[in-house]
Amino acid sequence: MQEASVFVFEKRVAEKLHKPKRKETVTEILRFSVRQLDRFKHPKLLTIYHPIEEASETLAFATEPVLGSLANILNCLEDRLPQCLPQEVRDYQFLDIEIKYGLLQIFASQCHAKFRHHSS
């Protein structure tokens, strides 16, 4: 058995954040984005283990294990963090080398995406 992270998007959230008629637009952007991520095979990009699946009220897909979102780790939304977050996510502090390496990863993935786009 392989460890994984499962991302679930509840479509009703889009109705709360946007005008109801935009619900389909938001879910289509999510579908497209996950499919694009699945197409880009690169060690610095998140690996999709199971493609996006859709039910009447949700979209879901599985990826390699993820500790937490950047917002969770940076405590950007501390007042809205779910209580079920593991304590190690709540208490996590980045080392300087992790910050530098993370920025390098973002830059490398952007270069890869740009190169791939221009070569297509």
PDB file of N, CA and C in Angstrom:
ATOM      1  N   MET A   1       0.844  -1.174   0.000  1.00  0.00           N
ATOM      2  CA  MET A   1       0.000   0.000   0.000  1.00  0.00           C
ATOM      3  C   MET A   1       0.894   1.243   0.000  1.00  0.00           C
ATOM      4  N   GLN A   2       0.487   2.254  -0.734  1.00  0.00           N
ATOM      5  CA  GLN A   2       1.273   3.466  -0.906  1.00  0.00           C
ATOM      6  C   GLN A   2       0.589   4.634  -0.195  1.00  0.00           C
ATOM      7  N   GLU A   3       1.385   5.428   0.539  1.00  0.00           N
ATOM      8  CA  GLU A   3       0.832   6.615   1.182  1.00  0.00           C
ATOM      9  C   GLU A   3       0.473   7.641   0.124  1.00  0.00           C
ATOM     10  N   ALA A   4      -0.574   8.421   0.393  1.00  0.00           N
ATOM     11  CA  ALA A   4      -1.014   9.435  -0.557  1.00  0.00           C
ATOM     12  C   ALA A   4      -1.758  10.540   0.181  1.00  0.00           C
ATOM     13  N   SER A   5      -1.895  11.665  -0.483  1.00  0.00           N
ATOM     14  CA  SER A   5      -2.766  12.739  -0.015  1.00  0.00           C
ATOM     15  C   SER A   5      -3.948  12.795  -0.965  1.00  0.00           C
ATOM     16  N   VAL A   6      -5.133  12.967  -0.413  1.00  0.00           N
ATOM     17  CA  VAL A   6      -6.336  13.057  -1.232  1.00  0.00           C
ATOM     18  C   VAL A   6      -6.897  14.468  -1.085  1.00  0.00           C
ATOM     19  N   PHE A   7      -7.087  15.119  -2.207  1.00  0.00           N
ATOM     20  CA  PHE A   7      -7.651  16.467  -2.235  1.00  0.00           C
ATOM     21  C   PHE A   7      -9.110  16.349  -2.654  1.00  0.00           C
ATOM     22  N   VAL A   8      -9.994  16.934  -1.850  1.00  0.00           N
ATOM     23  CA  VAL A   8     -11.429  16.884  -2.128  1.00  0.00           C
ATOM     24  C   VAL A   8     -11.942  18.318  -2.193  1.00  0.00           C
ATOM     25  N   PHE A   9     -12.629  18.626  -3.273  1.00  0.00           N
ATOM     26  CA  PHE A   9     -13.241  19.943  -3.449  1.00  0.00           C
ATOM     27  C   PHE A   9     -14.750  19.768  -3.435  1.00  0.00           C
ATOM     28  N   GLU A  10     -15.399  20.437  -2.500  1.00  0.00           N
ATOM     29  CA  GLU A  10     -16.858  20.394  -2.427  1.00  0.00           C
ATOM     30  C   GLU A  10     -17.404  21.525  -3.287  1.00  0.00           C
ATOM     31  N   LYS A  11     -18.188  21.175  -4.276  1.00  0.00           N
ATOM     32  CA  LYS A  11     -18.688  22.155  -5.246  1.00  0.00           C
ATOM     33  C   LYS A  11     -19.512  23.263  -4.598  1.00  0.00           C
ATOM     34  N   ARG A  12     -20.171  22.959  -3.499  1.00  0.00           N
ATOM     35  CA  ARG A  12     -20.989  23.993  -2.853  1.00  0.00           C
ATOM     36  C   ARG A  12     -20.132  25.140  -2.316  1.00  0.00           C
ATOM     37  N   VAL A  13     -18.841  24.889  -2.082  1.00  0.00           N
ATOM     38  CA  VAL A  13     -17.935  25.953  -1.643  1.00  0.00           C
ATOM     39  C   VAL A  13     -17.855  27.032  -2.711  1.00  0.00           C
ATOM     40  N   ALA A  14     -17.841  26.635  -3.980  1.00  0.00           N
ATOM     41  CA  ALA A  14     -17.788  27.599  -5.079  1.00  0.00           C
ATOM     42  C   ALA A  14     -19.017  28.500  -5.072  1.00  0.00           C
ATOM     43  N   GLU A  15     -20.143  27.968  -4.668  1.00  0.00           N
ATOM     44  CA  GLU A  15     -21.362  28.777  -4.602  1.00  0.00           C
ATOM     45  C   GLU A  15     -21.253  29.848  -3.526  1.00  0.00           C
ATOM     46  N   LYS A  16     -20.549  29.545  -2.441  1.00  0.00           N
ATOM     47  CA  LYS A  16     -20.388  30.509  -1.357  1.00  0.00           C
ATOM     48  C   LYS A  16     -19.364  31.582  -1.709  1.00  0.00           C
ATOM     49  N   LEU A  17     -18.321  31.199  -2.441  1.00  0.00           N
ATOM     50  CA  LEU A  17     -17.248  32.131  -2.769  1.00  0.00           C
ATOM     51  C   LEU A  17     -17.558  32.995  -3.980  1.00  0.00           C
ATOM     52  N   HIS A  18     -18.349  32.499  -4.868  1.00  0.00           N
ATOM     53  CA  HIS A  18     -18.627  33.182  -6.129  1.00  0.00           C
ATOM     54  C   HIS A  18     -20.125  33.178  -6.396  1.00  0.00           C
ATOM     55  N   LYS A  19     -20.499  33.897  -7.401  1.00  0.00           N
ATOM     56  CA  LYS A  19     -21.903  33.857  -7.818  1.00  0.00           C
ATOM     57  C   LYS A  19     -22.244  32.429  -8.231  1.00  0.00           C
ATOM     58  N   PRO A  20     -23.452  31.958  -7.907  1.00  0.00           N
ATOM     59  CA  PRO A  20     -23.814  30.561  -8.207  1.00  0.00           C
ATOM     60  C   PRO A  20     -23.586  30.145  -9.657  1.00  0.00           C
ATOM     61  N   LYS A  21     -23.783  31.043 -10.601  1.00  0.00           N
ATOM     62  CA  LYS A  21     -23.593  30.656 -11.999  1.00  0.00           C
ATOM     63  C   LYS A  21     -22.128  30.401 -12.336  1.00  0.00           C
ATOM     64  N   ARG A  22     -21.222  30.810 -11.455  1.00  0.00           N
ATOM     65  CA  ARG A  22     -19.796  30.578 -11.686  1.00  0.00           C
ATOM     66  C   ARG A  22     -19.323  29.238 -11.127  1.00  0.00           C
ATOM     67  N   LYS A  23     -20.210  28.514 -10.479  1.00  0.00           N
ATOM     68  CA  LYS A  23     -19.848  27.217  -9.888  1.00  0.00           C
ATOM     69  C   LYS A  23     -19.211  26.311 -10.930  1.00  0.00           C
ATOM     70  N   GLU A  24     -19.826  26.227 -12.104  1.00  0.00           N
ATOM     71  CA  GLU A  24     -19.292  25.362 -13.157  1.00  0.00           C
ATOM     72  C   GLU A  24     -17.944  25.870 -13.659  1.00  0.00           C
ATOM     73  N   THR A  25     -17.765  27.175 -13.721  1.00  0.00           N
ATOM     74  CA  THR A  25     -16.486  27.741 -14.159  1.00  0.00           C
ATOM     75  C   THR A  25     -15.374  27.369 -13.185  1.00  0.00           C
ATOM     76  N   VAL A  26     -15.642  27.502 -11.900  1.00  0.00           N
ATOM     77  CA  VAL A  26     -14.643  27.172 -10.883  1.00  0.00           C
ATOM     78  C   VAL A  26     -14.294  25.688 -10.942  1.00  0.00           C
ATOM     79  N   THR A  27     -15.280  24.826 -11.058  1.00  0.00           N
ATOM     80  CA  THR A  27     -14.995  23.388 -11.109  1.00  0.00           C
ATOM     81  C   THR A  27     -14.284  23.010 -12.404  1.00  0.00           C
ATOM     82  N   GLU A  28     -14.585  23.693 -13.503  1.00  0.00           N
ATOM     83  CA  GLU A  28     -13.890  23.415 -14.764  1.00  0.00           C
ATOM     84  C   GLU A  28     -12.419  23.829 -14.674  1.00  0.00           C
ATOM     85  N   ILE A  29     -12.141  24.943 -14.024  1.00  0.00           N
ATOM     86  CA  ILE A  29     -10.749  25.376 -13.825  1.00  0.00           C
ATOM     87  C   ILE A  29     -10.000  24.340 -12.999  1.00  0.00           C
ATOM     88  N   LEU A  30     -10.631  23.829 -11.959  1.00  0.00           N
ATOM     89  CA  LEU A  30      -9.999  22.800 -11.131  1.00  0.00           C
ATOM     90  C   LEU A  30      -9.742  21.536 -11.944  1.00  0.00           C
ATOM     91  N   ARG A  31     -10.740  21.083 -12.692  1.00  0.00           N
ATOM     92  CA  ARG A  31     -10.559  19.895 -13.551  1.00  0.00           C
ATOM     93  C   ARG A  31      -9.379  20.086 -14.499  1.00  0.00           C
ATOM     94  N   PHE A  32      -9.359  21.215 -15.185  1.00  0.00           N
ATOM     95  CA  PHE A  32      -8.303  21.508 -16.157  1.00  0.00           C
ATOM     96  C   PHE A  32      -6.935  21.558 -15.477  1.00  0.00           C
ATOM     97  N   SER A  33      -6.859  22.212 -14.329  1.00  0.00           N
ATOM     98  CA  SER A  33      -5.579  22.366 -13.622  1.00  0.00           C
ATOM     99  C   SER A  33      -5.013  21.027 -13.177  1.00  0.00           C
ATOM    100  N   VAL A  34      -5.859  20.157 -12.659  1.00  0.00           N
ATOM    101  CA  VAL A  34      -5.388  18.840 -12.217  1.00  0.00           C
ATOM    102  C   VAL A  34      -4.934  18.018 -13.419  1.00  0.00           C
ATOM    103  N   ARG A  35      -5.673  18.093 -14.510  1.00  0.00           N
ATOM    104  CA  ARG A  35      -5.258  17.363 -15.723  1.00  0.00           C
ATOM    105  C   ARG A  35      -3.928  17.885 -16.251  1.00  0.00           C
ATOM    106  N   GLN A  36      -3.734  19.194 -16.213  1.00  0.00           N
ATOM    107  CA  GLN A  36      -2.462  19.780 -16.647  1.00  0.00           C
ATOM    108  C   GLN A  36      -1.323  19.293 -15.752  1.00  0.00           C
ATOM    109  N   LEU A  37      -1.546  19.308 -14.456  1.00  0.00           N
ATOM    110  CA  LEU A  37      -0.525  18.844 -13.519  1.00  0.00           C
ATOM    111  C   LEU A  37      -0.183  17.385 -13.781  1.00  0.00           C
ATOM    112  N   ASP A  38      -1.180  16.589 -14.108  1.00  0.00           N
ATOM    113  CA  ASP A  38      -0.953  15.173 -14.410  1.00  0.00           C
ATOM    114  C   ASP A  38      -0.123  15.001 -15.687  1.00  0.00           C
ATOM    115  N   ARG A  39      -0.277  15.900 -16.629  1.00  0.00           N
ATOM    116  CA  ARG A  39       0.488  15.832 -17.884  1.00  0.00           C
ATOM    117  C   ARG A  39       1.960  16.165 -17.677  1.00  0.00           C
ATOM    118  N   PHE A  40       2.252  17.091 -16.768  1.00  0.00           N
ATOM    119  CA  PHE A  40       3.631  17.512 -16.534  1.00  0.00           C
ATOM    120  C   PHE A  40       4.321  16.517 -15.613  1.00  0.00           C
ATOM    121  N   LYS A  41       5.165  15.699 -16.166  1.00  0.00           N
ATOM    122  CA  LYS A  41       5.917  14.726 -15.377  1.00  0.00           C
ATOM    123  C   LYS A  41       7.298  15.316 -15.109  1.00  0.00           C
ATOM    124  N   HIS A  42       7.517  15.760 -13.889  1.00  0.00           N
ATOM    125  CA  HIS A  42       8.789  16.358 -13.512  1.00  0.00           C
ATOM    126  C   HIS A  42       8.993  16.103 -12.023  1.00  0.00           C
ATOM    127  N   PRO A  43      10.214  15.762 -11.610  1.00  0.00           N
ATOM    128  CA  PRO A  43      10.434  15.439 -10.192  1.00  0.00           C
ATOM    129  C   PRO A  43      10.179  16.603  -9.232  1.00  0.00           C
ATOM    130  N   LYS A  44      10.148  17.819  -9.732  1.00  0.00           N
ATOM    131  CA  LYS A  44       9.922  18.975  -8.861  1.00  0.00           C
ATOM    132  C   LYS A  44       8.454  19.378  -8.774  1.00  0.00           C
ATOM    133  N   LEU A  45       7.595  18.684  -9.514  1.00  0.00           N
ATOM    134  CA  LEU A  45       6.169  18.989  -9.482  1.00  0.00           C
ATOM    135  C   LEU A  45       5.421  17.891  -8.738  1.00  0.00           C
ATOM    136  N   LEU A  46       4.325  18.259  -8.140  1.00  0.00           N
ATOM    137  CA  LEU A  46       3.488  17.312  -7.415  1.00  0.00           C
ATOM    138  C   LEU A  46       3.058  16.183  -8.344  1.00  0.00           C
ATOM    139  N   THR A  47       3.228  14.951  -7.886  1.00  0.00           N
ATOM    140  CA  THR A  47       2.883  13.784  -8.692  1.00  0.00           C
ATOM    141  C   THR A  47       1.452  13.345  -8.405  1.00  0.00           C
ATOM    142  N   ILE A  48       0.668  13.233  -9.459  1.00  0.00           N
ATOM    143  CA  ILE A  48      -0.709  12.755  -9.342  1.00  0.00           C
ATOM    144  C   ILE A  48      -0.682  11.230  -9.333  1.00  0.00           C
ATOM    145  N   TYR A  49      -1.215  10.616  -8.277  1.00  0.00           N
ATOM    146  CA  TYR A  49      -1.303   9.158  -8.205  1.00  0.00           C
ATOM    147  C   TYR A  49      -2.599   8.645  -8.826  1.00  0.00           C
ATOM    148  N   HIS A  50      -3.671   9.410  -8.642  1.00  0.00           N
ATOM    149  CA  HIS A  50      -4.967   8.989  -9.183  1.00  0.00           C
ATOM    150  C   HIS A  50      -5.637  10.220  -9.781  1.00  0.00           C
ATOM    151  N   PRO A  51      -6.075  10.142 -11.035  1.00  0.00           N
ATOM    152  CA  PRO A  51      -6.647  11.321 -11.692  1.00  0.00           C
ATOM    153  C   PRO A  51      -7.934  11.795 -11.028  1.00  0.00           C
ATOM    154  N   ILE A  52      -8.326  12.969 -11.418  1.00  0.00           N
ATOM    155  CA  ILE A  52      -9.513  13.588 -10.830  1.00  0.00           C
ATOM    156  C   ILE A  52     -10.759  12.756 -11.132  1.00  0.00           C
ATOM    157  N   GLU A  53     -11.579  12.604 -10.107  1.00  0.00           N
ATOM    158  CA  GLU A  53     -12.868  11.921 -10.244  1.00  0.00           C
ATOM    159  C   GLU A  53     -13.942  12.877  -9.767  1.00  0.00           C
ATOM    160  N   GLU A  54     -15.079  12.786 -10.409  1.00  0.00           N
ATOM    161  CA  GLU A  54     -16.157  13.717 -10.097  1.00  0.00           C
ATOM    162  C   GLU A  54     -17.411  12.977  -9.664  1.00  0.00           C
ATOM    163  N   ALA A  55     -18.010  13.491  -8.599  1.00  0.00           N
ATOM    164  CA  ALA A  55     -19.322  13.031  -8.147  1.00  0.00           C
ATOM    165  C   ALA A  55     -20.254  14.236  -8.251  1.00  0.00           C
ATOM    166  N   SER A  56     -21.484  14.073  -7.896  1.00  0.00           N
ATOM    167  CA  SER A  56     -22.436  15.177  -8.056  1.00  0.00           C
ATOM    168  C   SER A  56     -22.064  16.402  -7.224  1.00  0.00           C
ATOM    169  N   GLU A  57     -21.479  16.199  -6.060  1.00  0.00           N
ATOM    170  CA  GLU A  57     -21.165  17.323  -5.174  1.00  0.00           C
ATOM    171  C   GLU A  57     -19.680  17.546  -4.924  1.00  0.00           C
ATOM    172  N   THR A  58     -18.808  16.667  -5.429  1.00  0.00           N
ATOM    173  CA  THR A  58     -17.379  16.792  -5.135  1.00  0.00           C
ATOM    174  C   THR A  58     -16.510  16.460  -6.342  1.00  0.00           C
ATOM    175  N   LEU A  59     -15.277  16.955  -6.272  1.00  0.00           N
ATOM    176  CA  LEU A  59     -14.191  16.548  -7.158  1.00  0.00           C
ATOM    177  C   LEU A  59     -13.086  16.063  -6.237  1.00  0.00           C
ATOM    178  N   ALA A  60     -12.362  15.012  -6.634  1.00  0.00           N
ATOM    179  CA  ALA A  60     -11.284  14.495  -5.789  1.00  0.00           C
ATOM    180  C   ALA A  60     -10.185  13.903  -6.655  1.00  0.00           C
ATOM    181  N   PHE A  61      -8.954  13.969  -6.139  1.00  0.00           N
ATOM    182  CA  PHE A  61      -7.809  13.338  -6.789  1.00  0.00           C
ATOM    183  C   PHE A  61      -6.769  13.024  -5.723  1.00  0.00           C
ATOM    184  N   ALA A  62      -5.868  12.096  -6.037  1.00  0.00           N
ATOM    185  CA  ALA A  62      -4.843  11.676  -5.074  1.00  0.00           C
ATOM    186  C   ALA A  62      -3.461  12.014  -5.621  1.00  0.00           C
ATOM    187  N   THR A  63      -2.573  12.398  -4.704  1.00  0.00           N
ATOM    188  CA  THR A  63      -1.203  12.767  -5.067  1.00  0.00           C
ATOM    189  C   THR A  63      -0.219  12.088  -4.127  1.00  0.00           C
ATOM    190  N   GLU A  64       1.047  12.327  -4.412  1.00  0.00           N
ATOM    191  CA  GLU A  64       2.072  11.906  -3.472  1.00  0.00           C
ATOM    192  C   GLU A  64       1.770  12.556  -2.121  1.00  0.00           C
ATOM    193  N   PRO A  65       2.285  12.020  -1.018  1.00  0.00           N
ATOM    194  CA  PRO A  65       1.982  12.593   0.298  1.00  0.00           C
ATOM    195  C   PRO A  65       2.401  14.066   0.404  1.00  0.00           C
ATOM    196  N   VAL A  66       1.525  14.861   1.014  1.00  0.00           N
ATOM    197  CA  VAL A  66       1.767  16.286   1.232  1.00  0.00           C
ATOM    198  C   VAL A  66       1.591  16.545   2.724  1.00  0.00           C
ATOM    199  N   LEU A  67       2.576  17.203   3.348  1.00  0.00           N
ATOM    200  CA  LEU A  67       2.506  17.498   4.783  1.00  0.00           C
ATOM    201  C   LEU A  67       1.372  18.461   5.094  1.00  0.00           C
ATOM    202  N   GLY A  68       1.237  19.500   4.306  1.00  0.00           N
ATOM    203  CA  GLY A  68       0.200  20.503   4.505  1.00  0.00           C
ATOM    204  C   GLY A  68       0.296  21.537   3.410  1.00  0.00           C
ATOM    205  N   SER A  69      -0.684  22.399   3.339  1.00  0.00           N
ATOM    206  CA  SER A  69      -0.613  23.470   2.353  1.00  0.00           C
ATOM    207  C   SER A  69       0.365  24.524   2.853  1.00  0.00           C
ATOM    208  N   LEU A  70       0.841  25.336   1.946  1.00  0.00           N
ATOM    209  CA  LEU A  70       1.757  26.404   2.335  1.00  0.00           C
ATOM    210  C   LEU A  70       1.074  27.346   3.322  1.00  0.00           C
ATOM    211  N   ALA A  71      -0.204  27.609   3.104  1.00  0.00           N
ATOM    212  CA  ALA A  71      -0.952  28.463   4.031  1.00  0.00           C
ATOM    213  C   ALA A  71      -1.001  27.839   5.424  1.00  0.00           C
ATOM    214  N   ASN A  72      -1.193  26.510   5.502  1.00  0.00           N
ATOM    215  CA  ASN A  72      -1.204  25.835   6.802  1.00  0.00           C
ATOM    216  C   ASN A  72       0.143  25.970   7.488  1.00  0.00           C
ATOM    217  N   ILE A  73       1.207  25.679   6.732  1.00  0.00           N
ATOM    218  CA  ILE A  73       2.549  25.698   7.310  1.00  0.00           C
ATOM    219  C   ILE A  73       2.938  27.102   7.756  1.00  0.00           C
ATOM    220  N   LEU A  74       2.568  28.109   6.972  1.00  0.00           N
ATOM    221  CA  LEU A  74       2.915  29.491   7.315  1.00  0.00           C
ATOM    222  C   LEU A  74       1.928  30.110   8.304  1.00  0.00           C
ATOM    223  N   ASN A  75       0.909  29.344   8.678  1.00  0.00           N
ATOM    224  CA  ASN A  75      -0.124  29.823   9.604  1.00  0.00           C
ATOM    225  C   ASN A  75      -0.787  31.106   9.118  1.00  0.00           C
ATOM    226  N   CYS A  76      -0.934  31.223   7.793  1.00  0.00           N
ATOM    227  CA  CYS A  76      -1.570  32.409   7.218  1.00  0.00           C
ATOM    228  C   CYS A  76      -3.038  32.517   7.598  1.00  0.00           C
ATOM    229  N   LEU A  77      -3.653  31.400   7.809  1.00  0.00           N
ATOM    230  CA  LEU A  77      -5.086  31.380   8.080  1.00  0.00           C
ATOM    231  C   LEU A  77      -5.345  30.748   9.440  1.00  0.00           C
ATOM    232  N   GLU A  78      -4.546  31.113  10.414  1.00  0.00           N
ATOM    233  CA  GLU A  78      -4.592  30.464  11.726  1.00  0.00           C
ATOM    234  C   GLU A  78      -6.001  30.407  12.300  1.00  0.00           C
ATOM    235  N   ASP A  79      -6.758  31.457  12.123  1.00  0.00           N
ATOM    236  CA  ASP A  79      -8.110  31.473  12.677  1.00  0.00           C
ATOM    237  C   ASP A  79      -9.061  30.532  11.941  1.00  0.00           C
ATOM    238  N   ARG A  80      -8.673  30.088  10.725  1.00  0.00           N
ATOM    239  CA  ARG A  80      -9.539  29.193   9.960  1.00  0.00           C
ATOM    240  C   ARG A  80      -8.954  27.796   9.805  1.00  0.00           C
ATOM    241  N   LEU A  81      -7.850  27.489  10.488  1.00  0.00           N
ATOM    242  CA  LEU A  81      -7.255  26.160  10.368  1.00  0.00           C
ATOM    243  C   LEU A  81      -8.182  25.114  10.973  1.00  0.00           C
ATOM    244  N   PRO A  82      -8.361  24.004  10.276  1.00  0.00           N
ATOM    245  CA  PRO A  82      -9.188  22.943  10.853  1.00  0.00           C
ATOM    246  C   PRO A  82      -8.535  22.374  12.106  1.00  0.00           C
ATOM    247  N   GLN A  83      -9.347  22.035  13.065  1.00  0.00           N
ATOM    248  CA  GLN A  83      -8.828  21.492  14.316  1.00  0.00           C
ATOM    249  C   GLN A  83      -8.214  20.113  14.127  1.00  0.00           C
ATOM    250  N   CYS A  84      -8.537  19.447  13.011  1.00  0.00           N
ATOM    251  CA  CYS A  84      -8.030  18.096  12.786  1.00  0.00           C
ATOM    252  C   CYS A  84      -6.612  18.081  12.210  1.00  0.00           C
ATOM    253  N   LEU A  85      -6.012  19.256  11.995  1.00  0.00           N
ATOM    254  CA  LEU A  85      -4.639  19.275  11.480  1.00  0.00           C
ATOM    255  C   LEU A  85      -3.701  18.629  12.490  1.00  0.00           C
ATOM    256  N   PRO A  86      -2.790  17.789  12.009  1.00  0.00           N
ATOM    257  CA  PRO A  86      -1.820  17.187  12.933  1.00  0.00           C
ATOM    258  C   PRO A  86      -0.987  18.270  13.625  1.00  0.00           C
ATOM    259  N   GLN A  87      -0.600  17.999  14.846  1.00  0.00           N
ATOM    260  CA  GLN A  87       0.162  18.974  15.620  1.00  0.00           C
ATOM    261  C   GLN A  87       1.472  19.334  14.932  1.00  0.00           C
ATOM    262  N   GLU A  88       2.106  18.358  14.233  1.00  0.00           N
ATOM    263  CA  GLU A  88       3.375  18.667  13.557  1.00  0.00           C
ATOM    264  C   GLU A  88       3.187  19.694  12.445  1.00  0.00           C
ATOM    265  N   VAL A  89       2.008  19.747  11.844  1.00  0.00           N
ATOM    266  CA  VAL A  89       1.733  20.779  10.833  1.00  0.00           C
ATOM    267  C   VAL A  89       1.538  22.121  11.521  1.00  0.00           C
ATOM    268  N   ARG A  90       0.798  22.124  12.608  1.00  0.00           N
ATOM    269  CA  ARG A  90       0.556  23.377  13.337  1.00  0.00           C
ATOM    270  C   ARG A  90       1.848  23.984  13.893  1.00  0.00           C
ATOM    271  N   ASP A  91       2.780  23.133  14.315  1.00  0.00           N
ATOM    272  CA  ASP A  91       4.003  23.609  14.962  1.00  0.00           C
ATOM    273  C   ASP A  91       5.192  23.743  14.015  1.00  0.00           C
ATOM    274  N   TYR A  92       5.014  23.411  12.748  1.00  0.00           N
ATOM    275  CA  TYR A  92       6.145  23.353  11.819  1.00  0.00           C
ATOM    276  C   TYR A  92       6.784  24.722  11.626  1.00  0.00           C
ATOM    277  N   GLN A  93       8.109  24.748  11.648  1.00  0.00           N
ATOM    278  CA  GLN A  93       8.887  25.956  11.377  1.00  0.00           C
ATOM    279  C   GLN A  93       9.874  25.645  10.265  1.00  0.00           C
ATOM    280  N   PHE A  94       9.884  26.460   9.218  1.00  0.00           N
ATOM    281  CA  PHE A  94      10.818  26.246   8.118  1.00  0.00           C
ATOM    282  C   PHE A  94      12.242  26.583   8.533  1.00  0.00           C
ATOM    283  N   LEU A  95      13.184  25.765   8.078  1.00  0.00           N
ATOM    284  CA  LEU A  95      14.598  26.097   8.184  1.00  0.00           C
ATOM    285  C   LEU A  95      14.938  27.017   7.017  1.00  0.00           C
ATOM    286  N   ASP A  96      15.993  27.832   7.159  1.00  0.00           N
ATOM    287  CA  ASP A  96      16.394  28.719   6.063  1.00  0.00           C
ATOM    288  C   ASP A  96      16.656  27.944   4.776  1.00  0.00           C
ATOM    289  N   ILE A  97      17.298  26.777   4.892  1.00  0.00           N
ATOM    290  CA  ILE A  97      17.619  25.985   3.708  1.00  0.00           C
ATOM    291  C   ILE A  97      16.346  25.491   3.021  1.00  0.00           C
ATOM    292  N   GLU A  98      15.296  25.200   3.803  1.00  0.00           N
ATOM    293  CA  GLU A  98      14.026  24.765   3.206  1.00  0.00           C
ATOM    294  C   GLU A  98      13.376  25.896   2.417  1.00  0.00           C
ATOM    295  N   ILE A  99      13.469  27.098   2.939  1.00  0.00           N
ATOM    296  CA  ILE A  99      12.918  28.258   2.230  1.00  0.00           C
ATOM    297  C   ILE A  99      13.665  28.468   0.921  1.00  0.00           C
ATOM    298  N   LYS A 100      14.995  28.436   0.985  1.00  0.00           N
ATOM    299  CA  LYS A 100      15.801  28.637  -0.226  1.00  0.00           C
ATOM    300  C   LYS A 100      15.544  27.528  -1.239  1.00  0.00           C
ATOM    301  N   TYR A 101      15.502  26.288  -0.778  1.00  0.00           N
ATOM    302  CA  TYR A 101      15.268  25.166  -1.683  1.00  0.00           C
ATOM    303  C   TYR A 101      13.854  25.221  -2.261  1.00  0.00           C
ATOM    304  N   GLY A 102      12.896  25.624  -1.453  1.00  0.00           N
ATOM    305  CA  GLY A 102      11.517  25.756  -1.935  1.00  0.00           C
ATOM    306  C   GLY A 102      11.404  26.790  -3.038  1.00  0.00           C
ATOM    307  N   LEU A 103      12.067  27.931  -2.855  1.00  0.00           N
ATOM    308  CA  LEU A 103      12.058  28.956  -3.902  1.00  0.00           C
ATOM    309  C   LEU A 103      12.743  28.452  -5.162  1.00  0.00           C
ATOM    310  N   LEU A 104      13.836  27.703  -4.989  1.00  0.00           N
ATOM    311  CA  LEU A 104      14.526  27.115  -6.138  1.00  0.00           C
ATOM    312  C   LEU A 104      13.608  26.132  -6.869  1.00  0.00           C
ATOM    313  N   GLN A 105      12.858  25.337  -6.134  1.00  0.00           N
ATOM    314  CA  GLN A 105      11.918  24.396  -6.751  1.00  0.00           C
ATOM    315  C   GLN A 105      10.839  25.129  -7.548  1.00  0.00           C
ATOM    316  N   ILE A 106      10.322  26.201  -6.985  1.00  0.00           N
ATOM    317  CA  ILE A 106       9.303  26.983  -7.694  1.00  0.00           C
ATOM    318  C   ILE A 106       9.883  27.537  -8.991  1.00  0.00           C
ATOM    319  N   PHE A 107      11.082  28.091  -8.915  1.00  0.00           N
ATOM    320  CA  PHE A 107      11.734  28.644 -10.101  1.00  0.00           C
ATOM    321  C   PHE A 107      11.975  27.554 -11.144  1.00  0.00           C
ATOM    322  N   ALA A 108      12.484  26.404 -10.714  1.00  0.00           N
ATOM    323  CA  ALA A 108      12.777  25.309 -11.649  1.00  0.00           C
ATOM    324  C   ALA A 108      11.505  24.798 -12.311  1.00  0.00           C
ATOM    325  N   SER A 109      10.430  24.693 -11.545  1.00  0.00           N
ATOM    326  CA  SER A 109       9.180  24.203 -12.140  1.00  0.00           C
ATOM    327  C   SER A 109       8.610  25.218 -13.123  1.00  0.00           C
ATOM    328  N   GLN A 110       8.767  26.510 -12.822  1.00  0.00           N
ATOM    329  CA  GLN A 110       8.303  27.541 -13.755  1.00  0.00           C
ATOM    330  C   GLN A 110       9.108  27.500 -15.053  1.00  0.00           C
ATOM    331  N   CYS A 111      10.415  27.313 -14.932  1.00  0.00           N
ATOM    332  CA  CYS A 111      11.268  27.201 -16.124  1.00  0.00           C
ATOM    333  C   CYS A 111      10.879  25.976 -16.940  1.00  0.00           C
ATOM    334  N   HIS A 112      10.627  24.869 -16.260  1.00  0.00           N
ATOM    335  CA  HIS A 112      10.232  23.635 -16.946  1.00  0.00           C
ATOM    336  C   HIS A 112       8.913  23.845 -17.692  1.00  0.00           C
ATOM    337  N   ALA A 113       7.948  24.456 -17.033  1.00  0.00           N
ATOM    338  CA  ALA A 113       6.640  24.686 -17.655  1.00  0.00           C
ATOM    339  C   ALA A 113       6.773  25.634 -18.842  1.00  0.00           C
ATOM    340  N   LYS A 114       7.578  26.672 -18.692  1.00  0.00           N
ATOM    341  CA  LYS A 114       7.762  27.638 -19.783  1.00  0.00           C
ATOM    342  C   LYS A 114       8.467  26.976 -20.962  1.00  0.00           C
ATOM    343  N   PHE A 115       9.514  26.183 -20.679  1.00  0.00           N
ATOM    344  CA  PHE A 115      10.240  25.496 -21.745  1.00  0.00           C
ATOM    345  C   PHE A 115       9.319  24.517 -22.453  1.00  0.00           C
ATOM    346  N   ARG A 116       8.544  23.782 -21.684  1.00  0.00           N
ATOM    347  CA  ARG A 116       7.631  22.791 -22.271  1.00  0.00           C
ATOM    348  C   ARG A 116       6.579  23.477 -23.130  1.00  0.00           C
ATOM    349  N   HIS A 117       6.095  24.632 -22.673  1.00  0.00           N
ATOM    350  CA  HIS A 117       5.090  25.381 -23.423  1.00  0.00           C
ATOM    351  C   HIS A 117       5.661  25.863 -24.757  1.00  0.00           C
ATOM    352  N   HIS A 118       6.895  26.365 -24.739  1.00  0.00           N
ATOM    353  CA  HIS A 118       7.511  26.889 -25.961  1.00  0.00           C
ATOM    354  C   HIS A 118       7.920  25.793 -26.929  1.00  0.00           C
ATOM    355  N   SER A 119       8.183  24.593 -26.424  1.00  0.00           N
ATOM    356  CA  SER A 119       8.605  23.507 -27.307  1.00  0.00           C
ATOM    357  C   SER A 119       7.419  22.731 -27.879  1.00  0.00           C
ATOM    358  N   SER A 120       6.206  23.027 -27.393  1.00  0.00           N
ATOM    359  CA  SER A 120       5.004  22.309 -27.886  1.00  0.00           C
ATOM    360  C   SER A 120       4.502  22.900 -29.178  1.00  0.00           C
TER     361      SER A 120
END
